[in-house]
Amino acid sequence: MIARVIVAEVGIDMTRFPTHRYLVSWAGLCPRLDESAGRSRSRHIRKGNPWLKVDLTQAAMAARKTKNSYLRAQFNRLATSRGVKKAVIAVAASILTSAYFILRDDVVYRDLGPDHLDRRDPGKVARRLAKRIEALGFSVDLRPAA
């Protein structure tokens, strides 16, 4: 369903967008930067294509319930620190970014998996978990396994 909406609203020619960031901005899924004299006034999302934005946010809400997917892991990671609404917008932007590269490069979608970020930097995950254990009042000594 969302693929039809993306093709109907954006088209299949991705050459009119220099990068995926231009497409995400055109759709209105990136935050505005409204500053004056060093003070941030507004961080609401931009105005963009209303039909595409609504359908992408609905797809993001559905993607957060799919098991063993990168989009669900991304939603859970962001929702804990930034809130549900910002996490939904970030997942919607990720869906649109994936669609951009699928249409531009003519490739098949391949899910990265829920542990993609853990596989990229296992040391970072270990340090984060050690900090969490120390916050509970325990001592942690990190050593690589033999």
N, C-alpha and C. Protein backbone atom coordinates (compact mmCIF):
# COMPACT_ATOMS: atom_id res chain seq x y z
N MET A 1 0.82 -1.19 0.00
CA MET A 1 0.00 0.00 0.00
C MET A 1 0.87 1.26 0.00
N ILE A 2 1.86 1.31 0.91
CA ILE A 2 2.68 2.51 1.00
C ILE A 2 3.54 2.68 -0.25
N ALA A 3 3.91 1.57 -0.87
CA ALA A 3 4.71 1.66 -2.10
C ALA A 3 3.91 2.36 -3.20
N ARG A 4 2.64 2.08 -3.28
CA ARG A 4 1.79 2.75 -4.28
C ARG A 4 1.68 4.24 -4.01
N VAL A 5 1.56 4.60 -2.75
CA VAL A 5 1.45 6.01 -2.39
C VAL A 5 2.76 6.74 -2.72
N ILE A 6 3.89 6.12 -2.42
CA ILE A 6 5.18 6.75 -2.71
C ILE A 6 5.35 6.95 -4.20
N VAL A 7 5.02 5.93 -4.98
CA VAL A 7 5.15 6.05 -6.44
C VAL A 7 4.17 7.08 -6.98
N ALA A 8 2.96 7.14 -6.43
CA ALA A 8 1.97 8.10 -6.91
C ALA A 8 2.36 9.54 -6.57
N GLU A 9 2.92 9.77 -5.39
CA GLU A 9 3.24 11.12 -4.97
C GLU A 9 4.62 11.59 -5.43
N VAL A 10 5.58 10.68 -5.46
CA VAL A 10 6.96 11.05 -5.78
C VAL A 10 7.31 10.70 -7.22
N GLY A 11 6.82 9.56 -7.68
CA GLY A 11 7.19 9.05 -8.99
C GLY A 11 8.33 8.06 -8.86
N ILE A 12 8.79 7.55 -10.00
CA ILE A 12 9.88 6.57 -9.95
C ILE A 12 11.21 7.17 -10.39
N ASP A 13 11.20 8.41 -10.85
CA ASP A 13 12.43 9.08 -11.27
C ASP A 13 13.04 9.81 -10.09
N MET A 14 14.10 9.26 -9.53
CA MET A 14 14.74 9.85 -8.35
C MET A 14 15.85 10.82 -8.72
N THR A 15 16.05 11.08 -10.00
CA THR A 15 17.11 12.00 -10.40
C THR A 15 16.77 13.45 -10.06
N ARG A 16 15.52 13.76 -9.81
CA ARG A 16 15.17 15.14 -9.46
C ARG A 16 15.52 15.47 -8.03
N PHE A 17 15.87 14.46 -7.23
CA PHE A 17 16.34 14.69 -5.86
C PHE A 17 17.83 14.34 -5.82
N PRO A 18 18.71 15.31 -5.56
CA PRO A 18 20.14 15.02 -5.56
C PRO A 18 20.55 13.96 -4.54
N THR A 19 19.94 13.98 -3.36
CA THR A 19 20.22 12.98 -2.33
C THR A 19 18.90 12.59 -1.67
N HIS A 20 18.99 11.57 -0.82
CA HIS A 20 17.78 11.14 -0.11
C HIS A 20 17.31 12.20 0.87
N ARG A 21 18.21 13.04 1.34
CA ARG A 21 17.83 14.09 2.29
C ARG A 21 16.90 15.12 1.66
N TYR A 22 17.08 15.40 0.38
CA TYR A 22 16.18 16.31 -0.31
C TYR A 22 14.76 15.74 -0.38
N LEU A 23 14.66 14.45 -0.62
CA LEU A 23 13.35 13.80 -0.67
C LEU A 23 12.68 13.83 0.69
N VAL A 24 13.42 13.52 1.74
CA VAL A 24 12.85 13.54 3.10
C VAL A 24 12.41 14.95 3.46
N SER A 25 13.17 15.94 3.07
CA SER A 25 12.79 17.33 3.34
C SER A 25 11.56 17.72 2.53
N TRP A 26 11.49 17.31 1.27
CA TRP A 26 10.33 17.60 0.43
C TRP A 26 9.06 16.99 1.00
N ALA A 27 9.20 15.80 1.57
CA ALA A 27 8.04 15.13 2.16
C ALA A 27 7.64 15.75 3.50
N GLY A 28 8.52 16.54 4.09
CA GLY A 28 8.19 17.19 5.36
C GLY A 28 8.46 16.32 6.56
N LEU A 29 9.46 15.45 6.47
CA LEU A 29 9.75 14.55 7.57
C LEU A 29 11.05 14.88 8.29
N CYS A 30 11.56 16.09 8.10
CA CYS A 30 12.76 16.50 8.83
C CYS A 30 12.41 17.73 9.66
N PRO A 31 13.09 17.92 10.78
CA PRO A 31 12.75 19.05 11.64
C PRO A 31 13.20 20.37 11.04
N ARG A 32 12.41 21.41 11.31
CA ARG A 32 12.81 22.76 10.91
C ARG A 32 13.91 23.21 11.84
N LEU A 33 14.67 24.18 11.39
CA LEU A 33 15.67 24.79 12.23
C LEU A 33 15.36 26.28 12.27
N ASP A 34 14.63 26.69 13.28
CA ASP A 34 14.21 28.08 13.41
C ASP A 34 14.97 28.68 14.58
N GLU A 35 16.03 29.42 14.27
CA GLU A 35 16.84 30.03 15.31
C GLU A 35 16.97 31.53 15.06
N SER A 36 17.12 32.25 16.13
CA SER A 36 17.40 33.67 16.03
C SER A 36 18.26 34.05 17.22
N ALA A 37 19.38 34.68 16.94
CA ALA A 37 20.32 35.10 17.97
C ALA A 37 20.79 33.93 18.84
N GLY A 38 20.95 32.76 18.22
CA GLY A 38 21.44 31.60 18.94
C GLY A 38 20.40 30.87 19.77
N ARG A 39 19.16 31.33 19.73
CA ARG A 39 18.10 30.67 20.50
C ARG A 39 17.22 29.88 19.55
N SER A 40 16.96 28.65 19.92
CA SER A 40 16.11 27.80 19.11
C SER A 40 14.65 28.11 19.39
N ARG A 41 13.90 28.41 18.35
CA ARG A 41 12.49 28.78 18.55
C ARG A 41 11.55 27.65 18.24
N SER A 42 11.85 26.85 17.24
CA SER A 42 10.91 25.80 16.86
C SER A 42 11.65 24.62 16.26
N ARG A 43 11.25 23.43 16.62
CA ARG A 43 11.82 22.22 16.06
C ARG A 43 10.72 21.32 15.50
N HIS A 44 9.56 21.89 15.21
CA HIS A 44 8.47 21.12 14.63
C HIS A 44 8.87 20.63 13.24
N ILE A 45 8.21 19.59 12.77
CA ILE A 45 8.56 19.09 11.44
C ILE A 45 8.07 20.07 10.38
N ARG A 46 8.69 20.00 9.23
CA ARG A 46 8.42 20.94 8.16
C ARG A 46 7.07 20.66 7.51
N LYS A 47 6.59 21.65 6.79
CA LYS A 47 5.41 21.43 5.96
C LYS A 47 5.89 20.70 4.72
N GLY A 48 5.12 19.73 4.30
CA GLY A 48 5.50 18.97 3.13
C GLY A 48 4.27 18.38 2.48
N ASN A 49 4.48 17.35 1.70
CA ASN A 49 3.38 16.68 1.03
C ASN A 49 2.47 16.03 2.08
N PRO A 50 1.25 16.52 2.26
CA PRO A 50 0.42 16.01 3.37
C PRO A 50 -0.02 14.56 3.19
N TRP A 51 -0.28 14.14 1.96
CA TRP A 51 -0.75 12.76 1.76
C TRP A 51 0.38 11.78 2.01
N LEU A 52 1.54 12.11 1.53
CA LEU A 52 2.69 11.22 1.71
C LEU A 52 3.08 11.15 3.17
N LYS A 53 3.08 12.28 3.85
CA LYS A 53 3.48 12.32 5.25
C LYS A 53 2.54 11.50 6.13
N VAL A 54 1.25 11.62 5.89
CA VAL A 54 0.27 10.88 6.69
C VAL A 54 0.42 9.38 6.46
N ASP A 55 0.56 8.98 5.21
CA ASP A 55 0.67 7.55 4.93
C ASP A 55 1.99 6.96 5.44
N LEU A 56 3.06 7.74 5.37
CA LEU A 56 4.34 7.25 5.89
C LEU A 56 4.32 7.11 7.41
N THR A 57 3.65 8.04 8.10
CA THR A 57 3.56 7.90 9.55
C THR A 57 2.68 6.72 9.94
N GLN A 58 1.65 6.44 9.17
CA GLN A 58 0.85 5.25 9.43
C GLN A 58 1.65 3.98 9.18
N ALA A 59 2.47 4.00 8.14
CA ALA A 59 3.33 2.84 7.87
C ALA A 59 4.36 2.66 8.98
N ALA A 60 4.85 3.77 9.52
CA ALA A 60 5.81 3.70 10.63
C ALA A 60 5.15 3.13 11.89
N MET A 61 3.89 3.52 12.12
CA MET A 61 3.17 2.97 13.27
C MET A 61 2.97 1.47 13.12
N ALA A 62 2.74 1.01 11.90
CA ALA A 62 2.60 -0.42 11.66
C ALA A 62 3.94 -1.12 11.75
N ALA A 63 5.00 -0.47 11.28
CA ALA A 63 6.34 -1.09 11.29
C ALA A 63 6.85 -1.29 12.71
N ARG A 64 6.40 -0.47 13.64
CA ARG A 64 6.88 -0.64 15.01
C ARG A 64 6.34 -1.90 15.66
N LYS A 65 5.36 -2.53 15.04
CA LYS A 65 4.78 -3.76 15.59
C LYS A 65 5.27 -5.02 14.90
N THR A 66 6.07 -4.88 13.85
CA THR A 66 6.59 -6.07 13.17
C THR A 66 7.74 -6.64 13.97
N LYS A 67 7.76 -7.95 14.10
CA LYS A 67 8.78 -8.60 14.90
C LYS A 67 10.06 -8.78 14.10
N ASN A 68 11.18 -8.71 14.80
CA ASN A 68 12.50 -8.95 14.22
C ASN A 68 12.77 -8.08 13.00
N SER A 69 12.59 -6.78 13.12
CA SER A 69 12.88 -5.89 12.01
C SER A 69 13.72 -4.72 12.51
N TYR A 70 14.48 -4.14 11.60
CA TYR A 70 15.30 -2.98 11.93
C TYR A 70 14.44 -1.78 12.32
N LEU A 71 13.31 -1.61 11.63
CA LEU A 71 12.46 -0.45 11.92
C LEU A 71 11.88 -0.51 13.33
N ARG A 72 11.54 -1.69 13.79
CA ARG A 72 11.04 -1.82 15.17
C ARG A 72 12.16 -1.51 16.17
N ALA A 73 13.36 -2.01 15.89
CA ALA A 73 14.49 -1.74 16.78
C ALA A 73 14.80 -0.25 16.81
N GLN A 74 14.73 0.40 15.65
CA GLN A 74 14.97 1.84 15.58
C GLN A 74 13.91 2.59 16.38
N PHE A 75 12.66 2.19 16.22
CA PHE A 75 11.58 2.85 16.96
C PHE A 75 11.79 2.70 18.46
N ASN A 76 12.07 1.48 18.92
CA ASN A 76 12.24 1.24 20.35
C ASN A 76 13.42 2.03 20.91
N ARG A 77 14.51 2.12 20.16
CA ARG A 77 15.69 2.84 20.61
C ARG A 77 15.39 4.33 20.75
N LEU A 78 14.68 4.90 19.77
CA LEU A 78 14.41 6.33 19.80
C LEU A 78 13.27 6.71 20.74
N ALA A 79 12.28 5.84 20.86
CA ALA A 79 11.12 6.16 21.70
C ALA A 79 11.50 6.26 23.17
N THR A 80 12.49 5.50 23.60
CA THR A 80 12.87 5.56 25.01
C THR A 80 13.53 6.88 25.36
N SER A 81 14.28 7.47 24.42
CA SER A 81 14.99 8.70 24.76
C SER A 81 14.29 9.96 24.26
N ARG A 82 13.61 9.88 23.12
CA ARG A 82 13.05 11.11 22.53
C ARG A 82 11.54 11.17 22.51
N GLY A 83 10.87 10.04 22.73
CA GLY A 83 9.42 10.04 22.73
C GLY A 83 8.85 9.34 21.50
N VAL A 84 7.59 8.96 21.61
CA VAL A 84 6.94 8.16 20.57
C VAL A 84 6.76 8.96 19.29
N LYS A 85 6.33 10.20 19.38
CA LYS A 85 6.06 10.98 18.17
C LYS A 85 7.31 11.21 17.34
N LYS A 86 8.41 11.55 17.97
CA LYS A 86 9.65 11.77 17.24
C LYS A 86 10.18 10.46 16.67
N ALA A 87 9.97 9.37 17.39
CA ALA A 87 10.41 8.07 16.89
C ALA A 87 9.61 7.66 15.65
N VAL A 88 8.31 7.95 15.65
CA VAL A 88 7.48 7.62 14.49
C VAL A 88 7.93 8.41 13.27
N ILE A 89 8.23 9.68 13.44
CA ILE A 89 8.69 10.51 12.33
C ILE A 89 10.05 10.00 11.82
N ALA A 90 10.93 9.59 12.72
CA ALA A 90 12.24 9.07 12.30
C ALA A 90 12.09 7.76 11.53
N VAL A 91 11.19 6.90 11.95
CA VAL A 91 10.97 5.64 11.24
C VAL A 91 10.33 5.92 9.88
N ALA A 92 9.42 6.88 9.81
CA ALA A 92 8.82 7.24 8.53
C ALA A 92 9.88 7.78 7.57
N ALA A 93 10.80 8.57 8.09
CA ALA A 93 11.90 9.07 7.25
C ALA A 93 12.79 7.93 6.79
N SER A 94 13.00 6.93 7.63
CA SER A 94 13.80 5.77 7.24
C SER A 94 13.11 4.97 6.14
N ILE A 95 11.79 4.85 6.22
CA ILE A 95 11.05 4.14 5.18
C ILE A 95 11.19 4.87 3.85
N LEU A 96 11.06 6.19 3.88
CA LEU A 96 11.18 6.97 2.66
C LEU A 96 12.61 6.94 2.12
N THR A 97 13.60 6.94 2.99
CA THR A 97 14.98 6.82 2.56
C THR A 97 15.22 5.47 1.88
N SER A 98 14.68 4.41 2.45
CA SER A 98 14.81 3.09 1.83
C SER A 98 14.14 3.07 0.46
N ALA A 99 12.98 3.67 0.36
CA ALA A 99 12.27 3.72 -0.93
C ALA A 99 13.08 4.50 -1.96
N TYR A 100 13.75 5.57 -1.53
CA TYR A 100 14.58 6.36 -2.44
C TYR A 100 15.67 5.49 -3.05
N PHE A 101 16.39 4.75 -2.20
CA PHE A 101 17.49 3.93 -2.71
C PHE A 101 16.99 2.73 -3.51
N ILE A 102 15.85 2.19 -3.15
CA ILE A 102 15.27 1.09 -3.92
C ILE A 102 14.91 1.56 -5.32
N LEU A 103 14.30 2.73 -5.42
CA LEU A 103 13.90 3.25 -6.72
C LEU A 103 15.10 3.77 -7.53
N ARG A 104 16.06 4.38 -6.85
CA ARG A 104 17.20 4.93 -7.57
C ARG A 104 18.14 3.85 -8.10
N ASP A 105 18.42 2.83 -7.26
CA ASP A 105 19.39 1.81 -7.63
C ASP A 105 18.75 0.55 -8.19
N ASP A 106 17.40 0.48 -8.18
CA ASP A 106 16.66 -0.68 -8.68
C ASP A 106 17.12 -1.97 -7.98
N VAL A 107 17.05 -1.95 -6.65
CA VAL A 107 17.43 -3.10 -5.84
C VAL A 107 16.22 -3.56 -5.02
N VAL A 108 16.35 -4.74 -4.46
CA VAL A 108 15.29 -5.32 -3.63
C VAL A 108 15.55 -4.90 -2.17
N TYR A 109 14.47 -4.67 -1.41
CA TYR A 109 14.61 -4.28 -0.01
C TYR A 109 15.17 -5.44 0.79
N ARG A 110 16.15 -5.14 1.61
CA ARG A 110 16.75 -6.15 2.50
C ARG A 110 16.77 -5.56 3.90
N ASP A 111 16.04 -6.18 4.81
CA ASP A 111 15.98 -5.68 6.18
C ASP A 111 17.32 -5.92 6.87
N LEU A 112 17.78 -4.94 7.61
CA LEU A 112 19.07 -5.05 8.28
C LEU A 112 19.02 -5.93 9.52
N GLY A 113 17.85 -6.12 10.09
CA GLY A 113 17.70 -6.96 11.27
C GLY A 113 17.68 -6.14 12.54
N PRO A 114 17.10 -6.67 13.60
CA PRO A 114 16.96 -5.91 14.84
C PRO A 114 18.29 -5.66 15.55
N ASP A 115 19.31 -6.46 15.27
CA ASP A 115 20.58 -6.30 15.97
C ASP A 115 21.65 -5.64 15.09
N HIS A 116 21.22 -4.88 14.10
CA HIS A 116 22.16 -4.26 13.17
C HIS A 116 23.15 -3.33 13.87
N LEU A 117 22.66 -2.46 14.72
CA LEU A 117 23.55 -1.52 15.41
C LEU A 117 24.42 -2.21 16.44
N ASP A 118 23.92 -3.29 17.03
CA ASP A 118 24.74 -4.05 17.98
C ASP A 118 25.89 -4.73 17.27
N ARG A 119 25.66 -5.22 16.05
CA ARG A 119 26.72 -5.88 15.29
C ARG A 119 27.76 -4.88 14.80
N ARG A 120 27.35 -3.64 14.54
CA ARG A 120 28.29 -2.63 14.03
C ARG A 120 29.32 -2.24 15.08
N ASP A 121 28.91 -2.08 16.32
CA ASP A 121 29.84 -1.66 17.37
C ASP A 121 29.50 -2.38 18.68
N PRO A 122 29.99 -3.62 18.84
CA PRO A 122 29.67 -4.36 20.06
C PRO A 122 30.29 -3.74 21.31
N GLY A 123 31.41 -3.04 21.18
CA GLY A 123 32.02 -2.39 22.33
C GLY A 123 31.14 -1.30 22.91
N LYS A 124 30.47 -0.57 22.05
CA LYS A 124 29.57 0.49 22.49
C LYS A 124 28.40 -0.10 23.28
N VAL A 125 27.88 -1.22 22.82
CA VAL A 125 26.78 -1.87 23.53
C VAL A 125 27.25 -2.35 24.89
N ALA A 126 28.46 -2.92 24.95
CA ALA A 126 29.00 -3.41 26.22
C ALA A 126 29.19 -2.26 27.20
N ARG A 127 29.71 -1.13 26.73
CA ARG A 127 29.90 0.02 27.62
C ARG A 127 28.57 0.57 28.12
N ARG A 128 27.57 0.61 27.24
CA ARG A 128 26.26 1.11 27.65
C ARG A 128 25.64 0.20 28.71
N LEU A 129 25.75 -1.11 28.51
CA LEU A 129 25.19 -2.04 29.49
C LEU A 129 25.97 -2.02 30.79
N ALA A 130 27.29 -1.84 30.73
CA ALA A 130 28.10 -1.76 31.95
C ALA A 130 27.71 -0.52 32.75
N LYS A 131 27.48 0.59 32.06
CA LYS A 131 27.04 1.81 32.75
C LYS A 131 25.71 1.60 33.45
N ARG A 132 24.84 0.88 32.77
CA ARG A 132 23.52 0.62 33.35
C ARG A 132 23.62 -0.26 34.58
N ILE A 133 24.49 -1.28 34.52
CA ILE A 133 24.68 -2.17 35.67
C ILE A 133 25.30 -1.40 36.83
N GLU A 134 26.26 -0.52 36.54
CA GLU A 134 26.87 0.29 37.61
C GLU A 134 25.87 1.25 38.23
N ALA A 135 24.91 1.72 37.45
CA ALA A 135 23.87 2.60 37.99
C ALA A 135 22.97 1.84 38.96
N LEU A 136 22.90 0.52 38.80
CA LEU A 136 22.11 -0.29 39.73
C LEU A 136 22.89 -0.63 41.00
N GLY A 137 24.17 -0.25 41.05
CA GLY A 137 24.95 -0.46 42.27
C GLY A 137 25.88 -1.64 42.22
N PHE A 138 26.16 -2.18 41.06
CA PHE A 138 27.06 -3.32 40.93
C PHE A 138 28.36 -2.88 40.27
N SER A 139 29.40 -3.67 40.48
CA SER A 139 30.69 -3.40 39.87
C SER A 139 30.84 -4.27 38.62
N VAL A 140 31.41 -3.68 37.56
CA VAL A 140 31.53 -4.40 36.29
C VAL A 140 32.99 -4.31 35.81
N ASP A 141 33.53 -5.43 35.36
CA ASP A 141 34.85 -5.46 34.77
C ASP A 141 34.71 -6.05 33.37
N LEU A 142 34.93 -5.25 32.34
CA LEU A 142 34.76 -5.71 30.95
C LEU A 142 36.08 -6.27 30.43
N ARG A 143 36.03 -7.52 30.01
CA ARG A 143 37.17 -8.18 29.38
C ARG A 143 36.68 -8.95 28.17
N PRO A 144 37.45 -8.99 27.09
CA PRO A 144 37.03 -9.79 25.93
C PRO A 144 37.01 -11.27 26.28
N ALA A 145 36.06 -11.99 25.71
CA ALA A 145 35.93 -13.42 25.95
C ALA A 145 37.10 -14.17 25.30
N ALA A 146 37.48 -15.27 25.92
CA ALA A 146 38.60 -16.06 25.38
C ALA A 146 38.18 -16.86 24.17
